[in-house]
Amino acid sequence: MKEYQVILIDKNQINEVEILDSIFWKKANCLTDFSSPWKTETFSKIEFRALWDQQNFYFHFRVFDTDVYIDTKDDSVDSICNSDRVELFFRQNDAIDPYYCLEIDPSTRLLDFEARPNKKFDYEWKWPKEHIKLYSSNDETSFTVAGKISIASLKELDLIHNNSIETGVYRAKFSKDENQNYEPTWITWVNPNTPEPNFHIASSFGKFALMK
C-alpha cells in the first residue's frame, strides 16, 4: 500500500494564521505523485502536505491552477459535485464499510458524507462541526485549501489503527469541452486500476503513517 509519512509537531504549535502559511508547511513531507489514469492530458501540479499533533490532524492542498470553476448556483450536493475541488476519504478497513468523505471546493464549501460499498452515500451524515475547520486562499499561480480535523473525531470514527489512517487523496478538475460544457478530470494519489474513474473503491486508498 502506498504510504505518506505525517510528521509530528509540538502540541498546539500551529495557529490559525499558520495553516495557510507556506513557511510553516515546509516542515511537512510534500506529496506530488498524483495521476489521472483515465486521461492522457496533463493537469496542473498538486502539492499535498499533512502534519499532526496530539490534538489535530492538519492538511494542506496547493493546486497550481488559476482557471478554477465553481458552480455557485447554490450550496447543494449537485453544485459542489459540479465544481473544482479537493477530496480526502478515510476508511476503517479495506471493506470500506463504512468510509467517510470530505470534498472541499476552493471557497471551502464542504460536502461531507458517510459512504458504503457500491456508492451508497448518506448525505445526511456530517462530520461534527466543532471537530473540523477549513481555510482557503489563492494567489497569481495557485489556490490553497487547508484544514484541521480533531484527533478525537478520527478516533471516534475508528479511523486510526496502529498509528496510521487509510486515506484517499483526490482532485476533481472541471474544464470546458468542445461543446462548452464543463467536464471533470479525475486525479488521484493512488491509481485504483479501474477501467473508468472510480474513487469509491478500496484500491484507491493509501496509508498515512502518523510519525512519533
N, C-alpha and C. Protein backbone atom coordinates (compact mmCIF):
# COMPACT_ATOMS: atom_id res chain seq x y z
N MET A 1 0.84 -1.20 0.00
CA MET A 1 0.00 0.00 0.00
C MET A 1 0.88 1.25 0.00
N LYS A 2 0.53 2.21 -0.83
CA LYS A 2 1.26 3.47 -0.90
C LYS A 2 1.20 4.18 0.45
N GLU A 3 2.32 4.77 0.87
CA GLU A 3 2.37 5.37 2.20
C GLU A 3 2.90 6.81 2.15
N TYR A 4 2.29 7.66 2.97
CA TYR A 4 2.75 9.03 3.17
C TYR A 4 2.99 9.21 4.65
N GLN A 5 4.15 9.77 5.02
CA GLN A 5 4.50 9.95 6.42
C GLN A 5 4.09 11.33 6.90
N VAL A 6 3.24 11.35 7.94
CA VAL A 6 2.72 12.59 8.52
C VAL A 6 3.60 12.96 9.72
N ILE A 7 4.32 14.07 9.60
CA ILE A 7 5.27 14.48 10.63
C ILE A 7 4.54 14.97 11.88
N LEU A 8 5.06 14.59 13.04
CA LEU A 8 4.52 15.02 14.32
C LEU A 8 5.10 16.37 14.69
N ILE A 9 4.25 17.31 15.12
CA ILE A 9 4.71 18.60 15.61
C ILE A 9 4.32 18.75 17.07
N ASP A 10 4.87 19.78 17.72
CA ASP A 10 4.56 20.00 19.13
C ASP A 10 3.08 20.31 19.31
N LYS A 11 2.54 19.86 20.40
CA LYS A 11 1.13 20.06 20.71
C LYS A 11 0.76 21.53 20.64
N ASN A 12 -0.33 21.80 19.89
CA ASN A 12 -0.86 23.16 19.76
C ASN A 12 0.16 24.15 19.20
N GLN A 13 1.11 23.67 18.41
CA GLN A 13 2.12 24.57 17.86
C GLN A 13 1.56 25.43 16.72
N ILE A 14 0.61 24.90 16.00
CA ILE A 14 0.08 25.61 14.84
C ILE A 14 -1.04 26.55 15.26
N ASN A 15 -1.09 27.73 14.66
CA ASN A 15 -2.19 28.65 14.93
C ASN A 15 -2.99 28.88 13.67
N GLU A 16 -4.05 29.68 13.78
CA GLU A 16 -4.97 29.87 12.65
C GLU A 16 -4.26 30.45 11.43
N VAL A 17 -3.35 31.39 11.65
CA VAL A 17 -2.66 32.04 10.54
C VAL A 17 -1.73 31.06 9.83
N GLU A 18 -1.04 30.24 10.60
CA GLU A 18 -0.03 29.35 10.02
C GLU A 18 -0.60 28.29 9.11
N ILE A 19 -1.86 27.96 9.26
CA ILE A 19 -2.44 26.91 8.43
C ILE A 19 -2.37 27.29 6.94
N LEU A 20 -2.33 28.55 6.63
CA LEU A 20 -2.19 28.99 5.24
C LEU A 20 -0.79 29.54 4.95
N ASP A 21 0.14 29.35 5.85
CA ASP A 21 1.49 29.90 5.70
C ASP A 21 2.42 28.83 5.12
N SER A 22 2.92 29.06 3.91
CA SER A 22 3.77 28.07 3.24
C SER A 22 5.06 27.81 4.01
N ILE A 23 5.54 28.78 4.76
CA ILE A 23 6.77 28.59 5.53
C ILE A 23 6.56 27.51 6.58
N PHE A 24 5.43 27.57 7.27
CA PHE A 24 5.15 26.55 8.27
C PHE A 24 5.11 25.16 7.65
N TRP A 25 4.53 25.03 6.48
CA TRP A 25 4.33 23.72 5.89
C TRP A 25 5.61 23.11 5.32
N LYS A 26 6.70 23.87 5.34
CA LYS A 26 7.99 23.30 4.91
C LYS A 26 8.42 22.17 5.84
N LYS A 27 7.84 22.11 7.03
CA LYS A 27 8.15 21.02 7.96
C LYS A 27 7.55 19.70 7.49
N ALA A 28 6.56 19.76 6.63
CA ALA A 28 5.83 18.56 6.23
C ALA A 28 6.43 17.93 4.97
N ASN A 29 6.24 16.64 4.83
CA ASN A 29 6.59 15.97 3.57
C ASN A 29 5.64 16.45 2.48
N CYS A 30 6.16 16.61 1.27
CA CYS A 30 5.37 17.10 0.15
C CYS A 30 5.03 15.94 -0.78
N LEU A 31 3.74 15.68 -0.91
CA LEU A 31 3.24 14.61 -1.77
C LEU A 31 2.84 15.23 -3.11
N THR A 32 3.44 14.75 -4.19
CA THR A 32 3.15 15.30 -5.52
C THR A 32 2.84 14.23 -6.56
N ASP A 33 2.89 12.95 -6.18
CA ASP A 33 2.77 11.89 -7.19
C ASP A 33 1.31 11.55 -7.46
N PHE A 34 0.63 12.51 -8.07
CA PHE A 34 -0.76 12.33 -8.48
C PHE A 34 -0.81 11.93 -9.95
N SER A 35 -1.89 11.27 -10.31
CA SER A 35 -2.06 10.87 -11.71
C SER A 35 -3.54 10.93 -12.08
N SER A 36 -3.80 10.94 -13.37
CA SER A 36 -5.16 10.81 -13.89
C SER A 36 -5.14 9.61 -14.84
N PRO A 37 -5.35 8.41 -14.30
CA PRO A 37 -5.15 7.20 -15.08
C PRO A 37 -6.07 7.06 -16.28
N TRP A 38 -7.15 7.83 -16.33
CA TRP A 38 -8.16 7.66 -17.37
C TRP A 38 -8.06 8.70 -18.48
N LYS A 39 -7.07 9.59 -18.40
CA LYS A 39 -6.88 10.62 -19.42
C LYS A 39 -5.41 10.79 -19.73
N THR A 40 -5.11 11.15 -20.93
CA THR A 40 -3.71 11.36 -21.32
C THR A 40 -3.29 12.82 -21.20
N GLU A 41 -4.27 13.74 -21.06
CA GLU A 41 -3.93 15.14 -20.96
C GLU A 41 -3.20 15.44 -19.65
N THR A 42 -2.33 16.44 -19.71
CA THR A 42 -1.64 16.85 -18.49
C THR A 42 -2.59 17.66 -17.61
N PHE A 43 -2.23 17.81 -16.35
CA PHE A 43 -3.02 18.61 -15.43
C PHE A 43 -2.07 19.39 -14.53
N SER A 44 -2.62 20.38 -13.86
CA SER A 44 -1.81 21.26 -13.04
C SER A 44 -1.21 20.52 -11.85
N LYS A 45 -0.03 20.95 -11.47
CA LYS A 45 0.67 20.35 -10.34
C LYS A 45 -0.14 20.50 -9.06
N ILE A 46 -0.11 19.45 -8.25
CA ILE A 46 -0.76 19.45 -6.94
C ILE A 46 0.29 19.12 -5.89
N GLU A 47 0.31 19.90 -4.82
CA GLU A 47 1.16 19.59 -3.67
C GLU A 47 0.25 19.35 -2.46
N PHE A 48 0.42 18.22 -1.81
CA PHE A 48 -0.34 17.91 -0.60
C PHE A 48 0.63 17.73 0.55
N ARG A 49 0.28 18.31 1.69
CA ARG A 49 1.08 18.17 2.91
C ARG A 49 0.16 17.90 4.10
N ALA A 50 0.69 17.19 5.08
CA ALA A 50 -0.06 16.95 6.31
C ALA A 50 0.89 16.94 7.49
N LEU A 51 0.37 17.34 8.64
CA LEU A 51 1.07 17.31 9.92
C LEU A 51 0.07 16.86 10.98
N TRP A 52 0.58 16.52 12.15
CA TRP A 52 -0.34 16.20 13.24
C TRP A 52 0.33 16.48 14.57
N ASP A 53 -0.52 16.69 15.59
CA ASP A 53 -0.08 16.73 16.98
C ASP A 53 -1.06 15.88 17.78
N GLN A 54 -1.01 15.96 19.07
CA GLN A 54 -1.89 15.11 19.87
C GLN A 54 -3.35 15.58 19.83
N GLN A 55 -3.58 16.77 19.26
CA GLN A 55 -4.93 17.33 19.23
C GLN A 55 -5.58 17.26 17.85
N ASN A 56 -4.80 17.50 16.79
CA ASN A 56 -5.37 17.67 15.46
C ASN A 56 -4.52 17.04 14.37
N PHE A 57 -5.19 16.70 13.28
CA PHE A 57 -4.56 16.34 12.01
C PHE A 57 -4.74 17.54 11.09
N TYR A 58 -3.65 18.03 10.49
CA TYR A 58 -3.67 19.21 9.64
C TYR A 58 -3.37 18.81 8.20
N PHE A 59 -4.07 19.40 7.25
CA PHE A 59 -3.80 19.10 5.84
C PHE A 59 -3.78 20.37 5.01
N HIS A 60 -3.09 20.29 3.88
CA HIS A 60 -2.85 21.48 3.05
C HIS A 60 -2.69 21.05 1.60
N PHE A 61 -3.64 21.42 0.76
CA PHE A 61 -3.53 21.24 -0.69
C PHE A 61 -3.12 22.56 -1.32
N ARG A 62 -2.12 22.54 -2.17
CA ARG A 62 -1.85 23.69 -3.05
C ARG A 62 -1.93 23.20 -4.48
N VAL A 63 -2.84 23.79 -5.25
CA VAL A 63 -3.09 23.38 -6.64
C VAL A 63 -2.67 24.52 -7.55
N PHE A 64 -1.73 24.26 -8.44
CA PHE A 64 -1.17 25.30 -9.30
C PHE A 64 -2.06 25.49 -10.53
N ASP A 65 -3.21 26.10 -10.27
CA ASP A 65 -4.24 26.29 -11.28
C ASP A 65 -4.99 27.58 -10.95
N THR A 66 -5.13 28.46 -11.92
CA THR A 66 -5.90 29.69 -11.70
C THR A 66 -7.18 29.70 -12.51
N ASP A 67 -7.37 28.71 -13.37
CA ASP A 67 -8.59 28.60 -14.16
C ASP A 67 -9.54 27.65 -13.43
N VAL A 68 -10.14 28.16 -12.37
CA VAL A 68 -10.93 27.34 -11.45
C VAL A 68 -12.41 27.55 -11.71
N TYR A 69 -13.15 26.44 -11.75
CA TYR A 69 -14.59 26.51 -11.97
C TYR A 69 -15.33 26.14 -10.69
N ILE A 70 -16.23 27.04 -10.25
CA ILE A 70 -17.08 26.77 -9.10
C ILE A 70 -18.52 27.04 -9.52
N ASP A 71 -19.37 26.04 -9.36
CA ASP A 71 -20.79 26.17 -9.63
C ASP A 71 -21.43 26.87 -8.42
N THR A 72 -21.84 28.11 -8.61
CA THR A 72 -22.28 28.94 -7.48
C THR A 72 -23.80 29.09 -7.38
N LYS A 73 -24.54 28.24 -8.09
CA LYS A 73 -25.99 28.46 -8.08
C LYS A 73 -26.60 28.26 -6.69
N ASP A 74 -26.01 27.37 -5.88
CA ASP A 74 -26.46 27.17 -4.51
C ASP A 74 -25.39 26.36 -3.79
N ASP A 75 -25.70 25.89 -2.59
CA ASP A 75 -24.74 25.08 -1.83
C ASP A 75 -25.16 23.61 -1.76
N SER A 76 -25.87 23.18 -2.77
CA SER A 76 -26.37 21.81 -2.79
C SER A 76 -25.26 20.80 -3.09
N VAL A 77 -25.60 19.53 -2.89
CA VAL A 77 -24.68 18.45 -3.26
C VAL A 77 -24.31 18.56 -4.73
N ASP A 78 -25.29 18.76 -5.60
CA ASP A 78 -25.02 18.84 -7.04
C ASP A 78 -24.08 19.99 -7.38
N SER A 79 -24.27 21.12 -6.72
CA SER A 79 -23.44 22.29 -7.00
C SER A 79 -21.98 22.03 -6.65
N ILE A 80 -21.75 21.47 -5.48
CA ILE A 80 -20.36 21.17 -5.09
C ILE A 80 -19.78 20.08 -5.97
N CYS A 81 -20.60 19.08 -6.32
CA CYS A 81 -20.11 18.00 -7.18
C CYS A 81 -19.78 18.47 -8.59
N ASN A 82 -20.32 19.60 -8.99
CA ASN A 82 -20.04 20.16 -10.32
C ASN A 82 -18.95 21.23 -10.27
N SER A 83 -18.18 21.26 -9.21
CA SER A 83 -17.16 22.28 -9.03
C SER A 83 -15.77 21.66 -8.88
N ASP A 84 -14.75 22.44 -9.24
CA ASP A 84 -13.39 22.05 -8.90
C ASP A 84 -13.32 21.82 -7.39
N ARG A 85 -12.58 20.79 -6.97
CA ARG A 85 -12.47 20.53 -5.55
C ARG A 85 -11.31 19.59 -5.26
N VAL A 86 -10.98 19.51 -3.99
CA VAL A 86 -10.03 18.51 -3.50
C VAL A 86 -10.80 17.60 -2.55
N GLU A 87 -10.27 16.39 -2.34
CA GLU A 87 -11.03 15.40 -1.58
C GLU A 87 -10.10 14.56 -0.71
N LEU A 88 -10.60 14.24 0.48
CA LEU A 88 -9.97 13.27 1.37
C LEU A 88 -11.03 12.25 1.78
N PHE A 89 -10.72 10.97 1.60
CA PHE A 89 -11.59 9.89 2.07
C PHE A 89 -10.82 9.12 3.15
N PHE A 90 -11.52 8.74 4.21
CA PHE A 90 -10.93 7.96 5.28
C PHE A 90 -11.75 6.68 5.48
N ARG A 91 -11.07 5.55 5.63
CA ARG A 91 -11.79 4.29 5.82
C ARG A 91 -11.33 3.59 7.09
N GLN A 92 -12.21 2.77 7.64
CA GLN A 92 -11.86 1.97 8.81
C GLN A 92 -11.00 0.77 8.42
N ASN A 93 -11.31 0.17 7.28
CA ASN A 93 -10.58 -1.01 6.82
C ASN A 93 -10.86 -1.20 5.34
N ASP A 94 -10.27 -2.24 4.75
CA ASP A 94 -10.38 -2.38 3.30
C ASP A 94 -11.75 -2.87 2.84
N ALA A 95 -12.66 -3.13 3.78
CA ALA A 95 -14.04 -3.43 3.39
C ALA A 95 -14.80 -2.15 3.02
N ILE A 96 -14.21 -1.00 3.29
CA ILE A 96 -14.82 0.33 3.10
C ILE A 96 -16.30 0.36 3.49
N ASP A 97 -16.55 -0.15 4.69
CA ASP A 97 -17.94 -0.27 5.15
C ASP A 97 -18.01 0.04 6.64
N PRO A 98 -18.00 1.33 7.01
CA PRO A 98 -18.15 2.50 6.13
C PRO A 98 -16.81 3.16 5.83
N TYR A 99 -16.89 4.25 5.05
CA TYR A 99 -15.78 5.19 4.90
C TYR A 99 -16.39 6.59 4.87
N TYR A 100 -15.54 7.59 5.07
CA TYR A 100 -16.02 8.96 5.26
C TYR A 100 -15.34 9.89 4.26
N CYS A 101 -16.14 10.75 3.65
CA CYS A 101 -15.69 11.56 2.52
C CYS A 101 -15.78 13.04 2.84
N LEU A 102 -14.72 13.76 2.52
CA LEU A 102 -14.67 15.21 2.62
C LEU A 102 -14.30 15.75 1.25
N GLU A 103 -15.21 16.48 0.62
CA GLU A 103 -14.98 17.08 -0.69
C GLU A 103 -15.11 18.59 -0.52
N ILE A 104 -14.05 19.32 -0.86
CA ILE A 104 -13.95 20.74 -0.49
C ILE A 104 -13.61 21.55 -1.74
N ASP A 105 -14.42 22.56 -2.03
CA ASP A 105 -14.11 23.40 -3.18
C ASP A 105 -13.22 24.57 -2.75
N PRO A 106 -12.69 25.37 -3.69
CA PRO A 106 -11.75 26.43 -3.33
C PRO A 106 -12.33 27.54 -2.48
N SER A 107 -13.65 27.58 -2.33
CA SER A 107 -14.26 28.56 -1.42
C SER A 107 -14.58 27.95 -0.06
N THR A 108 -14.11 26.74 0.18
CA THR A 108 -14.28 25.93 1.40
C THR A 108 -15.70 25.43 1.61
N ARG A 109 -16.52 25.41 0.56
CA ARG A 109 -17.78 24.67 0.70
C ARG A 109 -17.43 23.20 0.89
N LEU A 110 -18.09 22.58 1.85
CA LEU A 110 -17.76 21.21 2.22
C LEU A 110 -18.93 20.28 1.93
N LEU A 111 -18.63 19.20 1.20
CA LEU A 111 -19.56 18.09 1.04
C LEU A 111 -18.98 16.94 1.86
N ASP A 112 -19.58 16.67 3.03
CA ASP A 112 -19.11 15.60 3.90
C ASP A 112 -20.22 14.57 4.05
N PHE A 113 -19.85 13.31 3.91
CA PHE A 113 -20.86 12.26 3.96
C PHE A 113 -20.24 10.93 4.32
N GLU A 114 -21.08 10.06 4.84
CA GLU A 114 -20.69 8.68 5.11
C GLU A 114 -21.02 7.84 3.88
N ALA A 115 -20.14 6.92 3.55
CA ALA A 115 -20.35 6.09 2.36
C ALA A 115 -20.12 4.62 2.69
N ARG A 116 -20.73 3.78 1.86
CA ARG A 116 -20.55 2.34 1.97
C ARG A 116 -20.34 1.77 0.56
N PRO A 117 -19.96 0.51 0.45
CA PRO A 117 -19.65 -0.05 -0.88
C PRO A 117 -20.77 0.18 -1.89
N ASN A 118 -20.33 0.20 -3.15
CA ASN A 118 -21.23 0.39 -4.29
C ASN A 118 -21.88 1.78 -4.29
N LYS A 119 -21.11 2.74 -3.81
CA LYS A 119 -21.51 4.16 -3.85
C LYS A 119 -22.84 4.41 -3.16
N LYS A 120 -22.98 3.82 -1.99
CA LYS A 120 -24.15 4.12 -1.15
C LYS A 120 -23.78 5.28 -0.23
N PHE A 121 -24.32 6.46 -0.50
CA PHE A 121 -23.92 7.68 0.17
C PHE A 121 -25.02 8.17 1.11
N ASP A 122 -24.63 8.56 2.30
CA ASP A 122 -25.55 9.16 3.26
C ASP A 122 -25.19 10.63 3.40
N TYR A 123 -25.88 11.49 2.65
CA TYR A 123 -25.59 12.91 2.68
C TYR A 123 -26.16 13.60 3.91
N GLU A 124 -26.95 12.89 4.68
CA GLU A 124 -27.45 13.46 5.93
C GLU A 124 -26.38 13.43 7.02
N TRP A 125 -25.44 12.51 6.88
CA TRP A 125 -24.35 12.42 7.85
C TRP A 125 -23.40 13.60 7.69
N LYS A 126 -22.91 14.15 8.80
CA LYS A 126 -21.97 15.26 8.75
C LYS A 126 -20.84 15.03 9.75
N TRP A 127 -19.64 15.44 9.36
CA TRP A 127 -18.53 15.44 10.30
C TRP A 127 -18.86 16.44 11.40
N PRO A 128 -18.66 16.11 12.66
CA PRO A 128 -19.01 17.05 13.74
C PRO A 128 -18.37 18.42 13.52
N LYS A 129 -19.19 19.46 13.48
CA LYS A 129 -18.72 20.80 13.09
C LYS A 129 -17.59 21.30 13.97
N GLU A 130 -17.67 21.00 15.25
CA GLU A 130 -16.64 21.51 16.16
C GLU A 130 -15.32 20.76 16.02
N HIS A 131 -15.29 19.73 15.17
CA HIS A 131 -14.09 18.91 15.01
C HIS A 131 -13.42 19.07 13.65
N ILE A 132 -13.88 20.00 12.84
CA ILE A 132 -13.25 20.27 11.55
C ILE A 132 -13.33 21.76 11.25
N LYS A 133 -12.24 22.30 10.73
CA LYS A 133 -12.22 23.70 10.33
C LYS A 133 -11.44 23.82 9.03
N LEU A 134 -11.96 24.62 8.10
CA LEU A 134 -11.38 24.72 6.76
C LEU A 134 -10.94 26.15 6.46
N TYR A 135 -9.94 26.26 5.58
CA TYR A 135 -9.36 27.54 5.20
C TYR A 135 -9.04 27.49 3.70
N SER A 136 -9.01 28.66 3.07
CA SER A 136 -8.61 28.70 1.66
C SER A 136 -7.97 30.04 1.35
N SER A 137 -7.20 30.06 0.28
CA SER A 137 -6.59 31.29 -0.23
C SER A 137 -6.23 31.07 -1.68
N ASN A 138 -5.85 32.12 -2.37
CA ASN A 138 -5.36 31.99 -3.74
C ASN A 138 -4.36 33.09 -4.01
N ASP A 139 -3.53 32.87 -5.02
CA ASP A 139 -2.57 33.87 -5.46
C ASP A 139 -2.53 33.84 -6.98
N GLU A 140 -1.52 34.45 -7.56
CA GLU A 140 -1.48 34.58 -9.02
C GLU A 140 -1.16 33.27 -9.73
N THR A 141 -0.76 32.23 -8.99
CA THR A 141 -0.42 30.96 -9.64
C THR A 141 -1.18 29.75 -9.12
N SER A 142 -1.90 29.88 -8.01
CA SER A 142 -2.46 28.68 -7.39
C SER A 142 -3.61 29.01 -6.45
N PHE A 143 -4.29 27.95 -6.01
CA PHE A 143 -5.22 28.08 -4.89
C PHE A 143 -4.85 27.06 -3.83
N THR A 144 -5.19 27.38 -2.60
CA THR A 144 -4.88 26.53 -1.46
C THR A 144 -6.15 26.21 -0.69
N VAL A 145 -6.30 24.96 -0.32
CA VAL A 145 -7.35 24.53 0.60
C VAL A 145 -6.66 23.78 1.74
N ALA A 146 -6.93 24.20 2.96
CA ALA A 146 -6.27 23.60 4.11
C ALA A 146 -7.30 23.41 5.22
N GLY A 147 -6.91 22.65 6.23
CA GLY A 147 -7.85 22.44 7.32
C GLY A 147 -7.24 21.67 8.46
N LYS A 148 -8.02 21.57 9.51
CA LYS A 148 -7.63 20.74 10.65
C LYS A 148 -8.82 19.90 11.08
N ILE A 149 -8.52 18.67 11.48
CA ILE A 149 -9.51 17.70 11.92
C ILE A 149 -9.05 17.18 13.27
N SER A 150 -9.93 17.14 14.23
CA SER A 150 -9.52 16.70 15.56
C SER A 150 -9.15 15.23 15.57
N ILE A 151 -8.11 14.90 16.31
CA ILE A 151 -7.74 13.51 16.50
C ILE A 151 -8.87 12.77 17.20
N ALA A 152 -9.57 13.46 18.10
CA ALA A 152 -10.68 12.84 18.82
C ALA A 152 -11.76 12.33 17.87
N SER A 153 -12.09 13.12 16.84
CA SER A 153 -13.12 12.68 15.90
C SER A 153 -12.63 11.52 15.04
N LEU A 154 -11.36 11.53 14.66
CA LEU A 154 -10.81 10.41 13.89
C LEU A 154 -10.86 9.12 14.71
N LYS A 155 -10.56 9.24 15.99
CA LYS A 155 -10.62 8.05 16.86
C LYS A 155 -12.07 7.62 17.07
N GLU A 156 -12.96 8.57 17.25
CA GLU A 156 -14.36 8.24 17.47
C GLU A 156 -14.93 7.46 16.29
N LEU A 157 -14.46 7.79 15.08
CA LEU A 157 -14.92 7.09 13.88
C LEU A 157 -14.10 5.84 13.58
N ASP A 158 -13.20 5.49 14.49
CA ASP A 158 -12.37 4.27 14.37
C ASP A 158 -11.52 4.30 13.10
N LEU A 159 -10.85 5.45 12.88
CA LEU A 159 -10.08 5.62 11.66
C LEU A 159 -8.57 5.56 11.89
N ILE A 160 -8.12 5.52 13.14
CA ILE A 160 -6.69 5.43 13.43
C ILE A 160 -6.39 4.04 13.98
N HIS A 161 -5.54 3.31 13.27
CA HIS A 161 -5.13 1.97 13.69
C HIS A 161 -3.62 1.86 13.57
N ASN A 162 -2.98 1.45 14.65
CA ASN A 162 -1.51 1.29 14.63
C ASN A 162 -0.82 2.54 14.11
N ASN A 163 -1.30 3.69 14.60
CA ASN A 163 -0.72 4.99 14.22
C ASN A 163 -0.76 5.23 12.72
N SER A 164 -1.81 4.80 12.08
CA SER A 164 -1.96 5.10 10.66
C SER A 164 -3.44 5.30 10.33
N ILE A 165 -3.66 6.05 9.24
CA ILE A 165 -5.01 6.32 8.74
C ILE A 165 -5.04 5.92 7.28
N GLU A 166 -5.94 5.04 6.90
CA GLU A 166 -6.05 4.64 5.50
C GLU A 166 -6.88 5.70 4.77
N THR A 167 -6.25 6.33 3.77
CA THR A 167 -6.75 7.58 3.23
C THR A 167 -6.68 7.60 1.71
N GLY A 168 -7.69 8.19 1.09
CA GLY A 168 -7.64 8.51 -0.33
C GLY A 168 -7.48 10.01 -0.50
N VAL A 169 -6.65 10.40 -1.47
CA VAL A 169 -6.39 11.83 -1.73
C VAL A 169 -6.67 12.08 -3.20
N TYR A 170 -7.56 13.04 -3.50
CA TYR A 170 -8.04 13.20 -4.86
C TYR A 170 -8.24 14.67 -5.21
N ARG A 171 -8.42 14.89 -6.52
CA ARG A 171 -8.85 16.19 -7.01
C ARG A 171 -9.79 15.99 -8.20
N ALA A 172 -10.80 16.85 -8.29
CA ALA A 172 -11.65 16.93 -9.48
C ALA A 172 -11.38 18.26 -10.15
N LYS A 173 -11.03 18.24 -11.43
CA LYS A 173 -10.76 19.45 -12.21
C LYS A 173 -11.78 19.54 -13.34
N PHE A 174 -12.52 20.65 -13.39
CA PHE A 174 -13.53 20.83 -14.43
C PHE A 174 -13.02 21.79 -15.51
N SER A 175 -13.20 21.36 -16.76
CA SER A 175 -12.78 22.16 -17.91
C SER A 175 -13.85 22.09 -18.99
N LYS A 176 -13.90 23.13 -19.81
CA LYS A 176 -14.87 23.14 -20.91
C LYS A 176 -14.44 22.18 -22.02
N ASP A 177 -15.42 21.43 -22.54
CA ASP A 177 -15.15 20.59 -23.69
C ASP A 177 -15.49 21.35 -24.97
N GLU A 178 -15.45 20.67 -26.10
CA GLU A 178 -15.68 21.34 -27.39
C GLU A 178 -17.10 21.89 -27.50
N ASN A 179 -18.01 21.38 -26.70
CA ASN A 179 -19.39 21.88 -26.70
C ASN A 179 -19.65 22.92 -25.62
N GLN A 180 -18.56 23.39 -25.01
CA GLN A 180 -18.65 24.42 -23.95
C GLN A 180 -19.34 23.91 -22.69
N ASN A 181 -19.33 22.61 -22.51
CA ASN A 181 -19.83 22.02 -21.27
C ASN A 181 -18.66 21.70 -20.35
N TYR A 182 -18.86 21.86 -19.06
CA TYR A 182 -17.80 21.55 -18.10
C TYR A 182 -17.77 20.05 -17.82
N GLU A 183 -16.60 19.46 -18.02
CA GLU A 183 -16.43 18.03 -17.79
C GLU A 183 -15.24 17.81 -16.84
N PRO A 184 -15.33 16.80 -15.98
CA PRO A 184 -14.27 16.61 -14.98
C PRO A 184 -13.09 15.77 -15.47
N THR A 185 -11.93 16.11 -14.95
CA THR A 185 -10.77 15.24 -14.98
C THR A 185 -10.56 14.75 -13.56
N TRP A 186 -10.45 13.44 -13.38
CA TRP A 186 -10.35 12.85 -12.05
C TRP A 186 -8.90 12.52 -11.77
N ILE A 187 -8.40 13.03 -10.65
CA ILE A 187 -6.98 12.95 -10.31
C ILE A 187 -6.84 12.29 -8.95
N THR A 188 -5.88 11.37 -8.82
CA THR A 188 -5.78 10.57 -7.59
C THR A 188 -4.32 10.34 -7.20
N TRP A 189 -4.11 10.18 -5.90
CA TRP A 189 -2.79 9.80 -5.39
C TRP A 189 -2.51 8.33 -5.70
N VAL A 190 -3.47 7.47 -5.47
CA VAL A 190 -3.31 6.03 -5.69
C VAL A 190 -4.15 5.63 -6.91
N ASN A 191 -3.50 4.99 -7.87
CA ASN A 191 -4.22 4.51 -9.05
C ASN A 191 -5.05 3.28 -8.66
N PRO A 192 -6.39 3.37 -8.76
CA PRO A 192 -7.22 2.23 -8.36
C PRO A 192 -7.27 1.11 -9.39
N ASN A 193 -6.68 1.38 -10.57
CA ASN A 193 -6.66 0.36 -11.63
C ASN A 193 -8.06 -0.09 -12.02
N THR A 194 -8.90 0.89 -12.30
CA THR A 194 -10.26 0.63 -12.76
C THR A 194 -10.40 1.14 -14.20
N PRO A 195 -11.24 0.51 -15.00
CA PRO A 195 -11.38 0.95 -16.39
C PRO A 195 -12.00 2.34 -16.52
N GLU A 196 -12.85 2.69 -15.58
CA GLU A 196 -13.49 4.01 -15.56
C GLU A 196 -13.13 4.71 -14.25
N PRO A 197 -13.19 6.05 -14.21
CA PRO A 197 -12.86 6.76 -12.97
C PRO A 197 -13.72 6.27 -11.80
N ASN A 198 -13.05 5.92 -10.71
CA ASN A 198 -13.77 5.46 -9.53
C ASN A 198 -12.88 5.62 -8.31
N PHE A 199 -13.22 6.60 -7.46
CA PHE A 199 -12.50 6.77 -6.20
C PHE A 199 -13.15 5.94 -5.09
N HIS A 200 -14.38 5.52 -5.30
CA HIS A 200 -15.16 4.86 -4.25
C HIS A 200 -14.95 3.35 -4.30
N ILE A 201 -13.67 2.99 -4.11
CA ILE A 201 -13.27 1.59 -4.22
C ILE A 201 -12.03 1.41 -3.35
N ALA A 202 -11.89 0.24 -2.76
CA ALA A 202 -10.81 0.01 -1.80
C ALA A 202 -9.42 0.26 -2.39
N SER A 203 -9.25 -0.03 -3.67
CA SER A 203 -7.92 0.08 -4.29
C SER A 203 -7.46 1.51 -4.52
N SER A 204 -8.30 2.50 -4.20
CA SER A 204 -7.88 3.90 -4.40
C SER A 204 -7.29 4.51 -3.12
N PHE A 205 -7.18 3.73 -2.06
CA PHE A 205 -6.69 4.24 -0.78
C PHE A 205 -5.21 3.92 -0.58
N GLY A 206 -4.54 4.82 0.11
CA GLY A 206 -3.19 4.57 0.61
C GLY A 206 -3.19 4.69 2.12
N LYS A 207 -2.00 4.84 2.69
CA LYS A 207 -1.87 4.88 4.15
C LYS A 207 -1.12 6.15 4.55
N PHE A 208 -1.67 6.86 5.53
CA PHE A 208 -0.99 7.97 6.19
C PHE A 208 -0.39 7.43 7.49
N ALA A 209 0.92 7.40 7.58
CA ALA A 209 1.61 6.93 8.78
C ALA A 209 1.84 8.12 9.72
N LEU A 210 1.27 8.08 10.90
CA LEU A 210 1.43 9.15 11.88
C LEU A 210 2.75 8.91 12.62
N MET A 211 3.75 9.72 12.31
CA MET A 211 5.07 9.52 12.86
C MET A 211 5.12 9.96 14.32
N LYS A 212 5.97 9.30 15.08
CA LYS A 212 6.15 9.62 16.51
C LYS A 212 7.43 10.41 16.72
